[in-house]
Amino acid sequence: MPMYEQKTKEFEKINKKNDQLDEFILLFDKVKKKIDQLDENEAKSILKIIYANIVTAKTGNGGDAMVKEIVDNIFNIYQKLLEVMDKNKDMNPNNEKS
């Protein structure tokens, strides 16, 4: 493979990683804003769910695969938070909280 093709492939990989990082940063900022909009009961509920997942990871016997699954579950909680709060906003346009 010629050197310029190899370098082009390397740059494409770097650009893809940068795009993924940009998407993650945008998601992170959106989630932070949604967290700020939670009321006390919503925040407590989410913390309890996250805690249950962490206890499962710490006390379970599933090894690394289970820990990865738990991390994915917790990450999905935050993604669902965005979906649910956006849906609530659509259903309640006058609600300032969402």
Protein backbone atom coordinates (compact mmCIF):
# COMPACT_ATOMS: atom_id res chain seq x y z
CA MET A 1 0.00 0.00 0.00
CA PRO A 2 1.45 3.37 -0.96
CA MET A 3 2.33 5.69 1.88
CA TYR A 4 -0.28 8.32 0.97
CA GLU A 5 -3.06 5.69 1.07
CA GLN A 6 -1.88 4.52 4.48
CA LYS A 7 -1.79 8.10 5.78
CA THR A 8 -5.23 8.78 4.31
CA LYS A 9 -6.65 5.76 6.16
CA GLU A 10 -5.00 6.92 9.38
CA PHE A 11 -6.50 10.40 8.99
CA GLU A 12 -9.93 8.89 8.29
CA LYS A 13 -9.71 6.90 11.52
CA ILE A 14 -8.70 10.02 13.45
CA ASN A 15 -11.55 12.04 11.91
CA LYS A 16 -14.04 9.31 12.77
CA LYS A 17 -12.83 9.28 16.39
CA ASN A 18 -13.07 13.08 16.52
CA ASP A 19 -16.63 12.95 15.16
CA GLN A 20 -17.55 10.37 17.80
CA LEU A 21 -15.99 12.54 20.50
CA ASP A 22 -17.93 15.57 19.25
CA GLU A 23 -21.17 13.57 19.37
CA PHE A 24 -20.38 12.41 22.90
CA ILE A 25 -19.66 15.97 24.04
CA LEU A 26 -22.98 17.16 22.60
CA LEU A 27 -24.81 14.30 24.32
CA PHE A 28 -22.98 15.05 27.58
CA ASP A 29 -24.04 18.71 27.45
CA LYS A 30 -27.66 17.78 26.71
CA VAL A 31 -27.74 15.30 29.59
CA LYS A 32 -26.26 17.86 32.00
CA LYS A 33 -29.00 20.33 31.05
CA LYS A 34 -31.71 17.71 31.54
CA ILE A 35 -30.29 16.73 34.93
CA ASP A 36 -30.50 20.37 36.00
CA GLN A 37 -34.20 20.29 35.09
CA LEU A 38 -35.04 17.26 37.25
CA ASP A 39 -37.12 17.77 40.33
CA GLU A 40 -36.08 16.18 43.62
CA ASN A 41 -38.25 13.06 43.28
CA GLU A 42 -37.07 12.39 39.72
CA ALA A 43 -33.44 12.77 40.74
CA LYS A 44 -33.86 10.46 43.74
CA SER A 45 -35.51 7.81 41.57
CA ILE A 46 -32.70 7.87 39.05
CA LEU A 47 -30.07 7.71 41.80
CA LYS A 48 -31.79 4.65 43.30
CA ILE A 49 -31.80 2.88 39.93
CA ILE A 50 -28.14 3.70 39.37
CA TYR A 51 -27.26 2.53 42.87
CA ALA A 52 -29.06 -0.78 42.30
CA ASN A 53 -27.03 -1.28 39.13
CA ILE A 54 -23.78 -0.52 40.95
CA VAL A 55 -24.62 -2.95 43.76
CA THR A 56 -25.31 -5.61 41.14
CA ALA A 57 -21.93 -4.94 39.50
CA LYS A 58 -20.08 -5.03 42.83
CA THR A 59 -21.75 -8.13 44.26
CA GLY A 60 -22.47 -10.12 41.11
CA ASN A 61 -20.39 -12.95 39.71
CA GLY A 62 -20.67 -12.00 36.04
CA GLY A 63 -17.14 -10.68 35.72
CA ASP A 64 -16.13 -8.05 33.21
CA ALA A 65 -19.03 -8.84 30.86
CA MET A 66 -21.54 -8.08 33.60
CA VAL A 67 -19.75 -4.88 34.61
CA LYS A 68 -19.80 -3.72 30.98
CA GLU A 69 -23.51 -4.52 30.78
CA ILE A 70 -24.15 -2.53 33.97
CA VAL A 71 -22.21 0.46 32.62
CA ASP A 72 -24.23 0.24 29.40
CA ASN A 73 -27.44 0.11 31.46
CA ILE A 74 -26.48 3.22 33.41
CA PHE A 75 -25.51 5.03 30.19
CA ASN A 76 -28.87 4.08 28.71
CA ILE A 77 -30.64 5.57 31.73
CA TYR A 78 -29.23 8.96 30.75
CA GLN A 79 -30.17 8.51 27.10
CA LYS A 80 -33.72 7.58 28.14
CA LEU A 81 -33.77 10.67 30.34
CA LEU A 82 -33.34 12.80 27.23
CA GLU A 83 -36.06 10.93 25.35
CA VAL A 84 -38.59 11.01 28.19
CA MET A 85 -38.03 14.65 29.04
CA ASP A 86 -38.24 15.65 25.35
CA LYS A 87 -41.47 13.67 25.03
CA ASN A 88 -42.87 15.34 28.16
CA LYS A 89 -41.92 18.73 26.72
CA ASP A 90 -43.79 17.91 23.50
CA MET A 91 -46.85 16.80 25.49
CA ASN A 92 -46.70 19.82 27.83
CA PRO A 93 -45.37 22.80 25.84
CA ASN A 94 -46.32 25.24 28.64
CA ASN A 95 -44.34 23.27 31.24
CA GLU A 96 -41.22 25.34 31.97
CA LYS A 97 -39.43 22.44 33.69
CA SER A 98 -38.80 20.31 30.56
